[in-house]
């Protein structure tokens, strides 16, 4: 079975306090559920090294620009060109 290519992006809040504030402002979870979520933060951050990229989601427009830049960079990776091992062009797309 062939692996499906993917790009993994870890979205980060600007800080622990910002995450807590955002969760509380949503008003979609109980205080207990929010605390459980916050208790998982450290474990989740340990997984960051397994991602290709990270984006700090502080200012939405900035985060969107970073996301777009990642997509553009990925579109231009040489591993997607499709060259044969003998160096002859197979295709660009």
PDB file of N, CA and C in Angstrom:
ATOM      1  N   UNK A   1       0.836  -1.168   0.000  1.00  0.00           N
ATOM      2  CA  UNK A   1       0.000   0.000   0.000  1.00  0.00           C
ATOM      3  C   UNK A   1       0.892   1.245   0.000  1.00  0.00           C
ATOM      4  N   UNK A   2       0.577   2.214  -0.858  1.00  0.00           N
ATOM      5  CA  UNK A   2       1.332   3.461  -0.932  1.00  0.00           C
ATOM      6  C   UNK A   2       0.903   4.425   0.162  1.00  0.00           C
ATOM      7  N   UNK A   3       1.886   5.098   0.709  1.00  0.00           N
ATOM      8  CA  UNK A   3       1.579   6.110   1.729  1.00  0.00           C
ATOM      9  C   UNK A   3       0.968   7.332   1.057  1.00  0.00           C
ATOM     10  N   UNK A   4       0.016   7.921   1.695  1.00  0.00           N
ATOM     11  CA  UNK A   4      -0.606   9.142   1.199  1.00  0.00           C
ATOM     12  C   UNK A   4       0.207  10.316   1.730  1.00  0.00           C
ATOM     13  N   UNK A   5       0.727  11.152   0.819  1.00  0.00           N
ATOM     14  CA  UNK A   5       1.526  12.282   1.310  1.00  0.00           C
ATOM     15  C   UNK A   5       0.652  13.272   2.076  1.00  0.00           C
ATOM     16  N   UNK A   6       1.203  13.782   3.142  1.00  0.00           N
ATOM     17  CA  UNK A   6       0.467  14.779   3.919  1.00  0.00           C
ATOM     18  C   UNK A   6       1.456  15.741   4.567  1.00  0.00           C
ATOM     19  N   UNK A   7       0.944  16.852   4.986  1.00  0.00           N
ATOM     20  CA  UNK A   7       1.722  17.849   5.704  1.00  0.00           C
ATOM     21  C   UNK A   7       1.029  18.050   7.036  1.00  0.00           C
ATOM     22  N   UNK A   8       1.777  17.929   8.110  1.00  0.00           N
ATOM     23  CA  UNK A   8       1.171  18.100   9.430  1.00  0.00           C
ATOM     24  C   UNK A   8       1.548  19.469   9.993  1.00  0.00           C
ATOM     25  N   UNK A   9       0.539  20.142  10.522  1.00  0.00           N
ATOM     26  CA  UNK A   9       0.716  21.492  11.064  1.00  0.00           C
ATOM     27  C   UNK A   9       0.117  21.521  12.467  1.00  0.00           C
ATOM     28  N   UNK A  10       0.916  21.915  13.421  1.00  0.00           N
ATOM     29  CA  UNK A  10       0.488  22.010  14.815  1.00  0.00           C
ATOM     30  C   UNK A  10       0.117  23.462  15.088  1.00  0.00           C
ATOM     31  N   UNK A  11      -1.121  23.690  15.466  1.00  0.00           N
ATOM     32  CA  UNK A  11      -1.575  25.044  15.790  1.00  0.00           C
ATOM     33  C   UNK A  11      -1.385  25.301  17.280  1.00  0.00           C
ATOM     34  N   UNK A  12      -0.702  26.388  17.584  1.00  0.00           N
ATOM     35  CA  UNK A  12      -0.406  26.745  18.972  1.00  0.00           C
ATOM     36  C   UNK A  12      -1.103  28.037  19.363  1.00  0.00           C
ATOM     37  N   UNK A  13      -1.589  28.108  20.579  1.00  0.00           N
ATOM     38  CA  UNK A  13      -2.052  29.409  21.076  1.00  0.00           C
ATOM     39  C   UNK A  13      -0.808  30.233  21.407  1.00  0.00           C
ATOM     40  N   UNK A  14      -0.945  31.544  21.513  1.00  0.00           N
ATOM     41  CA  UNK A  14       0.223  32.359  21.828  1.00  0.00           C
ATOM     42  C   UNK A  14       0.808  32.076  23.218  1.00  0.00           C
ATOM     43  N   UNK A  15      -0.017  31.557  24.124  1.00  0.00           N
ATOM     44  CA  UNK A  15       0.452  31.225  25.475  1.00  0.00           C
ATOM     45  C   UNK A  15      -0.577  30.313  26.150  1.00  0.00           C
ATOM     46  N   UNK A  16      -0.161  29.757  27.258  1.00  0.00           N
ATOM     47  CA  UNK A  16      -1.069  28.939  28.064  1.00  0.00           C
ATOM     48  C   UNK A  16      -2.241  29.781  28.548  1.00  0.00           C
ATOM     49  N   UNK A  17      -1.944  30.995  28.999  1.00  0.00           N
ATOM     50  CA  UNK A  17      -2.999  31.886  29.498  1.00  0.00           C
ATOM     51  C   UNK A  17      -3.990  32.255  28.392  1.00  0.00           C
ATOM     52  N   UNK A  18      -3.478  32.476  27.181  1.00  0.00           N
ATOM     53  CA  UNK A  18      -4.370  32.793  26.056  1.00  0.00           C
ATOM     54  C   UNK A  18      -5.281  31.614  25.750  1.00  0.00           C
ATOM     55  N   UNK A  19      -4.742  30.403  25.810  1.00  0.00           N
ATOM     56  CA  UNK A  19      -5.566  29.211  25.582  1.00  0.00           C
ATOM     57  C   UNK A  19      -6.667  29.122  26.641  1.00  0.00           C
ATOM     58  N   UNK A  20      -6.296  29.311  27.892  1.00  0.00           N
ATOM     59  CA  UNK A  20      -7.278  29.250  28.981  1.00  0.00           C
ATOM     60  C   UNK A  20      -8.372  30.292  28.765  1.00  0.00           C
ATOM     61  N   UNK A  21      -7.975  31.488  28.430  1.00  0.00           N
ATOM     62  CA  UNK A  21      -8.942  32.565  28.198  1.00  0.00           C
ATOM     63  C   UNK A  21      -9.867  32.238  27.024  1.00  0.00           C
ATOM     64  N   UNK A  22      -9.315  31.715  25.952  1.00  0.00           N
ATOM     65  CA  UNK A  22     -10.131  31.364  24.781  1.00  0.00           C
ATOM     66  C   UNK A  22     -11.140  30.279  25.116  1.00  0.00           C
ATOM     67  N   UNK A  23     -10.693  29.268  25.839  1.00  0.00           N
ATOM     68  CA  UNK A  23     -11.606  28.182  26.213  1.00  0.00           C
ATOM     69  C   UNK A  23     -12.742  28.703  27.091  1.00  0.00           C
ATOM     70  N   UNK A  24     -12.405  29.573  28.011  1.00  0.00           N
ATOM     71  CA  UNK A  24     -13.435  30.120  28.905  1.00  0.00           C
ATOM     72  C   UNK A  24     -14.409  31.024  28.141  1.00  0.00           C
ATOM     73  N   UNK A  25     -13.899  31.806  27.203  1.00  0.00           N
ATOM     74  CA  UNK A  25     -14.756  32.720  26.437  1.00  0.00           C
ATOM     75  C   UNK A  25     -15.720  31.982  25.516  1.00  0.00           C
ATOM     76  N   UNK A  26     -15.324  30.803  25.052  1.00  0.00           N
ATOM     77  CA  UNK A  26     -16.216  30.032  24.174  1.00  0.00           C
ATOM     78  C   UNK A  26     -17.525  29.686  24.870  1.00  0.00           C
ATOM     79  N   UNK A  27     -17.410  29.436  26.160  1.00  0.00           N
ATOM     80  CA  UNK A  27     -18.589  29.100  26.949  1.00  0.00           C
ATOM     81  C   UNK A  27     -19.295  27.843  26.428  1.00  0.00           C
ATOM     82  N   UNK A  28     -18.491  26.882  25.954  1.00  0.00           N
ATOM     83  CA  UNK A  28     -19.062  25.638  25.435  1.00  0.00           C
ATOM     84  C   UNK A  28     -18.769  24.442  26.331  1.00  0.00           C
ATOM     85  N   UNK A  29     -17.924  24.650  27.352  1.00  0.00           N
ATOM     86  CA  UNK A  29     -17.527  23.554  28.220  1.00  0.00           C
ATOM     87  C   UNK A  29     -17.643  23.996  29.674  1.00  0.00           C
ATOM     88  N   UNK A  30     -17.800  23.022  30.521  1.00  0.00           N
ATOM     89  CA  UNK A  30     -17.840  23.318  31.950  1.00  0.00           C
ATOM     90  C   UNK A  30     -16.422  23.634  32.433  1.00  0.00           C
ATOM     91  N   UNK A  31     -16.331  24.201  33.627  1.00  0.00           N
ATOM     92  CA  UNK A  31     -15.024  24.502  34.218  1.00  0.00           C
ATOM     93  C   UNK A  31     -14.189  23.226  34.371  1.00  0.00           C
ATOM     94  N   UNK A  32     -14.833  22.131  34.702  1.00  0.00           N
ATOM     95  CA  UNK A  32     -14.130  20.848  34.858  1.00  0.00           C
ATOM     96  C   UNK A  32     -13.579  20.384  33.512  1.00  0.00           C
ATOM     97  N   UNK A  33     -14.381  20.494  32.466  1.00  0.00           N
ATOM     98  CA  UNK A  33     -13.926  20.094  31.131  1.00  0.00           C
ATOM     99  C   UNK A  33     -12.767  20.976  30.661  1.00  0.00           C
ATOM    100  N   UNK A  34     -12.838  22.254  30.943  1.00  0.00           N
ATOM    101  CA  UNK A  34     -11.751  23.167  30.574  1.00  0.00           C
ATOM    102  C   UNK A  34     -10.479  22.783  31.318  1.00  0.00           C
ATOM    103  N   UNK A  35     -10.592  22.483  32.581  1.00  0.00           N
ATOM    104  CA  UNK A  35      -9.410  22.096  33.358  1.00  0.00           C
ATOM    105  C   UNK A  35      -8.807  20.800  32.824  1.00  0.00           C
ATOM    106  N   UNK A  36      -9.652  19.838  32.461  1.00  0.00           N
ATOM    107  CA  UNK A  36      -9.146  18.586  31.868  1.00  0.00           C
ATOM    108  C   UNK A  36      -8.386  18.888  30.587  1.00  0.00           C
ATOM    109  N   UNK A  37      -8.935  19.776  29.775  1.00  0.00           N
ATOM    110  CA  UNK A  37      -8.278  20.172  28.516  1.00  0.00           C
ATOM    111  C   UNK A  37      -6.925  20.824  28.799  1.00  0.00           C
ATOM    112  N   UNK A  38      -6.893  21.709  29.757  1.00  0.00           N
ATOM    113  CA  UNK A  38      -5.643  22.387  30.103  1.00  0.00           C
ATOM    114  C   UNK A  38      -4.621  21.420  30.692  1.00  0.00           C
ATOM    115  N   UNK A  39      -5.080  20.390  31.381  1.00  0.00           N
ATOM    116  CA  UNK A  39      -4.174  19.385  31.943  1.00  0.00           C
ATOM    117  C   UNK A  39      -3.489  18.569  30.853  1.00  0.00           C
ATOM    118  N   UNK A  40      -4.083  18.509  29.657  1.00  0.00           N
ATOM    119  CA  UNK A  40      -3.502  17.747  28.540  1.00  0.00           C
ATOM    120  C   UNK A  40      -2.481  18.550  27.733  1.00  0.00           C
ATOM    121  N   UNK A  41      -2.400  19.834  27.975  1.00  0.00           N
ATOM    122  CA  UNK A  41      -1.568  20.710  27.151  1.00  0.00           C
ATOM    123  C   UNK A  41      -0.117  20.241  27.088  1.00  0.00           C
ATOM    124  N   UNK A  42       0.475  19.944  28.220  1.00  0.00           N
ATOM    125  CA  UNK A  42       1.887  19.547  28.234  1.00  0.00           C
ATOM    126  C   UNK A  42       2.123  18.299  27.395  1.00  0.00           C
ATOM    127  N   UNK A  43       1.255  17.306  27.529  1.00  0.00           N
ATOM    128  CA  UNK A  43       1.381  16.071  26.731  1.00  0.00           C
ATOM    129  C   UNK A  43       1.244  16.373  25.239  1.00  0.00           C
ATOM    130  N   UNK A  44       0.297  17.234  24.896  1.00  0.00           N
ATOM    131  CA  UNK A  44       0.089  17.591  23.498  1.00  0.00           C
ATOM    132  C   UNK A  44       1.310  18.322  22.935  1.00  0.00           C
ATOM    133  N   UNK A  45       1.912  19.196  23.735  1.00  0.00           N
ATOM    134  CA  UNK A  45       3.090  19.931  23.283  1.00  0.00           C
ATOM    135  C   UNK A  45       4.284  19.014  23.038  1.00  0.00           C
ATOM    136  N   UNK A  46       4.345  17.905  23.752  1.00  0.00           N
ATOM    137  CA  UNK A  46       5.410  16.925  23.525  1.00  0.00           C
ATOM    138  C   UNK A  46       5.327  16.343  22.111  1.00  0.00           C
ATOM    139  N   UNK A  47       4.149  16.354  21.518  1.00  0.00           N
ATOM    140  CA  UNK A  47       3.948  15.807  20.177  1.00  0.00           C
ATOM    141  C   UNK A  47       4.390  16.775  19.078  1.00  0.00           C
ATOM    142  N   UNK A  48       4.675  18.008  19.440  1.00  0.00           N
ATOM    143  CA  UNK A  48       5.042  19.037  18.471  1.00  0.00           C
ATOM    144  C   UNK A  48       6.190  18.600  17.561  1.00  0.00           C
ATOM    145  N   UNK A  49       7.143  17.888  18.091  1.00  0.00           N
ATOM    146  CA  UNK A  49       8.317  17.470  17.294  1.00  0.00           C
ATOM    147  C   UNK A  49       7.951  16.502  16.165  1.00  0.00           C
ATOM    148  N   UNK A  50       6.775  15.931  16.213  1.00  0.00           N
ATOM    149  CA  UNK A  50       6.345  14.978  15.186  1.00  0.00           C
ATOM    150  C   UNK A  50       5.623  15.662  14.022  1.00  0.00           C
ATOM    151  N   UNK A  51       5.467  16.954  14.086  1.00  0.00           N
ATOM    152  CA  UNK A  51       4.782  17.717  13.040  1.00  0.00           C
ATOM    153  C   UNK A  51       5.805  18.356  12.104  1.00  0.00           C
ATOM    154  N   UNK A  52       5.365  18.627  10.881  1.00  0.00           N
ATOM    155  CA  UNK A  52       6.239  19.275   9.906  1.00  0.00           C
ATOM    156  C   UNK A  52       6.393  20.769  10.186  1.00  0.00           C
ATOM    157  N   UNK A  53       5.339  21.399  10.628  1.00  0.00           N
ATOM    158  CA  UNK A  53       5.312  22.847  10.851  1.00  0.00           C
ATOM    159  C   UNK A  53       4.495  23.160  12.093  1.00  0.00           C
ATOM    160  N   UNK A  54       4.671  24.374  12.580  1.00  0.00           N
ATOM    161  CA  UNK A  54       3.786  24.880  13.624  1.00  0.00           C
ATOM    162  C   UNK A  54       3.371  26.297  13.256  1.00  0.00           C
ATOM    163  N   UNK A  55       2.215  26.695  13.726  1.00  0.00           N
ATOM    164  CA  UNK A  55       1.706  28.051  13.533  1.00  0.00           C
ATOM    165  C   UNK A  55       1.210  28.542  14.880  1.00  0.00           C
ATOM    166  N   UNK A  56       1.686  29.710  15.290  1.00  0.00           N
ATOM    167  CA  UNK A  56       1.171  30.331  16.505  1.00  0.00           C
ATOM    168  C   UNK A  56      -0.051  31.140  16.092  1.00  0.00           C
ATOM    169  N   UNK A  57      -1.193  30.747  16.605  1.00  0.00           N
ATOM    170  CA  UNK A  57      -2.459  31.377  16.247  1.00  0.00           C
ATOM    171  C   UNK A  57      -2.756  32.524  17.206  1.00  0.00           C
ATOM    172  N   UNK A  58      -2.051  33.617  16.969  1.00  0.00           N
ATOM    173  CA  UNK A  58      -2.257  34.802  17.798  1.00  0.00           C
ATOM    174  C   UNK A  58      -3.135  35.794  17.044  1.00  0.00           C
ATOM    175  N   UNK A  59      -2.616  36.320  15.962  1.00  0.00           N
ATOM    176  CA  UNK A  59      -3.384  37.216  15.090  1.00  0.00           C
ATOM    177  C   UNK A  59      -3.835  36.382  13.894  1.00  0.00           C
ATOM    178  N   UNK A  60      -5.134  36.278  13.698  1.00  0.00           N
ATOM    179  CA  UNK A  60      -5.682  35.388  12.672  1.00  0.00           C
ATOM    180  C   UNK A  60      -5.074  35.640  11.299  1.00  0.00           C
ATOM    181  N   UNK A  61      -4.963  36.889  10.898  1.00  0.00           N
ATOM    182  CA  UNK A  61      -4.429  37.210   9.563  1.00  0.00           C
ATOM    183  C   UNK A  61      -2.985  36.731   9.421  1.00  0.00           C
ATOM    184  N   UNK A  62      -2.192  36.866  10.478  1.00  0.00           N
ATOM    185  CA  UNK A  62      -0.804  36.390  10.445  1.00  0.00           C
ATOM    186  C   UNK A  62      -0.757  34.866  10.345  1.00  0.00           C
ATOM    187  N   UNK A  63      -1.602  34.205  11.113  1.00  0.00           N
ATOM    188  CA  UNK A  63      -1.646  32.739  11.073  1.00  0.00           C
ATOM    189  C   UNK A  63      -2.057  32.256   9.677  1.00  0.00           C
ATOM    190  N   UNK A  64      -2.995  32.947   9.057  1.00  0.00           N
ATOM    191  CA  UNK A  64      -3.424  32.586   7.696  1.00  0.00           C
ATOM    192  C   UNK A  64      -2.299  32.787   6.692  1.00  0.00           C
ATOM    193  N   UNK A  65      -1.525  33.858   6.863  1.00  0.00           N
ATOM    194  CA  UNK A  65      -0.380  34.097   5.965  1.00  0.00           C
ATOM    195  C   UNK A  65       0.660  32.996   6.108  1.00  0.00           C
ATOM    196  N   UNK A  66       0.936  32.596   7.324  1.00  0.00           N
ATOM    197  CA  UNK A  66       1.899  31.514   7.551  1.00  0.00           C
ATOM    198  C   UNK A  66       1.381  30.221   6.925  1.00  0.00           C
ATOM    199  N   UNK A  67       0.108  29.937   7.118  1.00  0.00           N
ATOM    200  CA  UNK A  67      -0.497  28.737   6.530  1.00  0.00           C
ATOM    201  C   UNK A  67      -0.361  28.760   5.005  1.00  0.00           C
ATOM    202  N   UNK A  68      -0.662  29.884   4.399  1.00  0.00           N
ATOM    203  CA  UNK A  68      -0.541  30.011   2.941  1.00  0.00           C
ATOM    204  C   UNK A  68       0.904  29.819   2.496  1.00  0.00           C
ATOM    205  N   UNK A  69       1.834  30.347   3.253  1.00  0.00           N
ATOM    206  CA  UNK A  69       3.250  30.193   2.917  1.00  0.00           C
ATOM    207  C   UNK A  69       3.671  28.726   2.980  1.00  0.00           C
ATOM    208  N   UNK A  70       3.172  28.008   3.966  1.00  0.00           N
ATOM    209  CA  UNK A  70       3.466  26.577   4.073  1.00  0.00           C
ATOM    210  C   UNK A  70       2.933  25.840   2.860  1.00  0.00           C
ATOM    211  N   UNK A  71       1.708  26.147   2.463  1.00  0.00           N
ATOM    212  CA  UNK A  71       1.123  25.489   1.283  1.00  0.00           C
ATOM    213  C   UNK A  71       1.939  25.782   0.033  1.00  0.00           C
ATOM    214  N   UNK A  72       2.336  27.039  -0.146  1.00  0.00           N
ATOM    215  CA  UNK A  72       3.150  27.392  -1.318  1.00  0.00           C
ATOM    216  C   UNK A  72       4.480  26.658  -1.304  1.00  0.00           C
ATOM    217  N   UNK A  73       5.112  26.597  -0.158  1.00  0.00           N
ATOM    218  CA  UNK A  73       6.391  25.894  -0.052  1.00  0.00           C
ATOM    219  C   UNK A  73       6.227  24.414  -0.374  1.00  0.00           C
ATOM    220  N   UNK A  74       5.177  23.806   0.144  1.00  0.00           N
ATOM    221  CA  UNK A  74       4.949  22.382  -0.103  1.00  0.00           C
ATOM    222  C   UNK A  74       4.688  22.095  -1.578  1.00  0.00           C
ATOM    223  N   UNK A  75       4.002  22.998  -2.252  1.00  0.00           N
ATOM    224  CA  UNK A  75       3.726  22.815  -3.680  1.00  0.00           C
ATOM    225  C   UNK A  75       5.007  22.805  -4.510  1.00  0.00           C
ATOM    226  N   UNK A  76       6.070  23.383  -3.972  1.00  0.00           N
ATOM    227  CA  UNK A  76       7.311  23.514  -4.720  1.00  0.00           C
ATOM    228  C   UNK A  76       8.429  22.602  -4.230  1.00  0.00           C
ATOM    229  N   UNK A  77       8.094  21.620  -3.429  1.00  0.00           N
ATOM    230  CA  UNK A  77       9.101  20.670  -2.981  1.00  0.00           C
ATOM    231  C   UNK A  77       9.523  19.787  -4.145  1.00  0.00           C
ATOM    232  N   UNK A  78      10.797  19.570  -4.250  1.00  0.00           N
ATOM    233  CA  UNK A  78      11.323  18.779  -5.364  1.00  0.00           C
ATOM    234  C   UNK A  78      10.848  17.336  -5.334  1.00  0.00           C
ATOM    235  N   UNK A  79      10.529  16.820  -4.182  1.00  0.00           N
ATOM    236  CA  UNK A  79      10.106  15.416  -4.127  1.00  0.00           C
ATOM    237  C   UNK A  79       8.798  15.174  -4.864  1.00  0.00           C
ATOM    238  N   UNK A  80       8.060  16.252  -5.191  1.00  0.00           N
ATOM    239  CA  UNK A  80       6.802  16.102  -5.913  1.00  0.00           C
ATOM    240  C   UNK A  80       6.947  16.300  -7.420  1.00  0.00           C
ATOM    241  N   UNK A  81       8.164  16.515  -7.894  1.00  0.00           N
ATOM    242  CA  UNK A  81       8.355  16.779  -9.317  1.00  0.00           C
ATOM    243  C   UNK A  81       8.106  15.556 -10.195  1.00  0.00           C
ATOM    244  N   UNK A  82       8.425  14.387  -9.727  1.00  0.00           N
ATOM    245  CA  UNK A  82       8.195  13.182 -10.511  1.00  0.00           C
ATOM    246  C   UNK A  82       9.339  12.836 -11.448  1.00  0.00           C
ATOM    247  N   UNK A  83      10.569  13.038 -11.021  1.00  0.00           N
ATOM    248  CA  UNK A  83      11.722  12.713 -11.852  1.00  0.00           C
ATOM    249  C   UNK A  83      12.042  11.227 -11.745  1.00  0.00           C
ATOM    250  N   UNK A  84      12.461  10.620 -12.871  1.00  0.00           N
ATOM    251  CA  UNK A  84      12.908   9.230 -12.871  1.00  0.00           C
ATOM    252  C   UNK A  84      14.322   9.172 -12.312  1.00  0.00           C
ATOM    253  N   UNK A  85      14.727   7.983 -11.879  1.00  0.00           N
ATOM    254  CA  UNK A  85      16.046   7.856 -11.282  1.00  0.00           C
ATOM    255  C   UNK A  85      17.173   8.086 -12.287  1.00  0.00           C
ATOM    256  N   UNK A  86      16.903   7.916 -13.589  1.00  0.00           N
ATOM    257  CA  UNK A  86      17.953   8.159 -14.580  1.00  0.00           C
ATOM    258  C   UNK A  86      18.080   9.638 -14.929  1.00  0.00           C
ATOM    259  N   UNK A  87      17.318  10.502 -14.251  1.00  0.00           N
ATOM    260  CA  UNK A  87      17.425  11.932 -14.438  1.00  0.00           C
ATOM    261  C   UNK A  87      16.550  12.485 -15.533  1.00  0.00           C
ATOM    262  N   UNK A  88      15.828  11.631 -16.253  1.00  0.00           N
ATOM    263  CA  UNK A  88      14.954  12.113 -17.326  1.00  0.00           C
ATOM    264  C   UNK A  88      13.635  12.606 -16.750  1.00  0.00           C
ATOM    265  N   UNK A  89      13.130  13.622 -17.377  1.00  0.00           N
ATOM    266  CA  UNK A  89      11.887  14.219 -16.893  1.00  0.00           C
ATOM    267  C   UNK A  89      10.705  13.282 -17.146  1.00  0.00           C
ATOM    268  N   UNK A  90       9.938  13.052 -16.105  1.00  0.00           N
ATOM    269  CA  UNK A  90       8.722  12.262 -16.252  1.00  0.00           C
ATOM    270  C   UNK A  90       7.541  13.220 -16.394  1.00  0.00           C
ATOM    271  N   UNK A  91       7.441  14.136 -15.479  1.00  0.00           N
ATOM    272  CA  UNK A  91       6.385  15.151 -15.529  1.00  0.00           C
ATOM    273  C   UNK A  91       6.627  16.161 -14.434  1.00  0.00           C
ATOM    274  N   UNK A  92       5.973  17.279 -14.556  1.00  0.00           N
ATOM    275  CA  UNK A  92       6.043  18.290 -13.513  1.00  0.00           C
ATOM    276  C   UNK A  92       4.860  18.211 -12.571  1.00  0.00           C
ATOM    277  N   UNK A  93       3.812  17.544 -12.972  1.00  0.00           N
ATOM    278  CA  UNK A  93       2.617  17.489 -12.125  1.00  0.00           C
ATOM    279  C   UNK A  93       2.059  16.110 -12.058  1.00  0.00           C
TER     280      UNK A  93
END
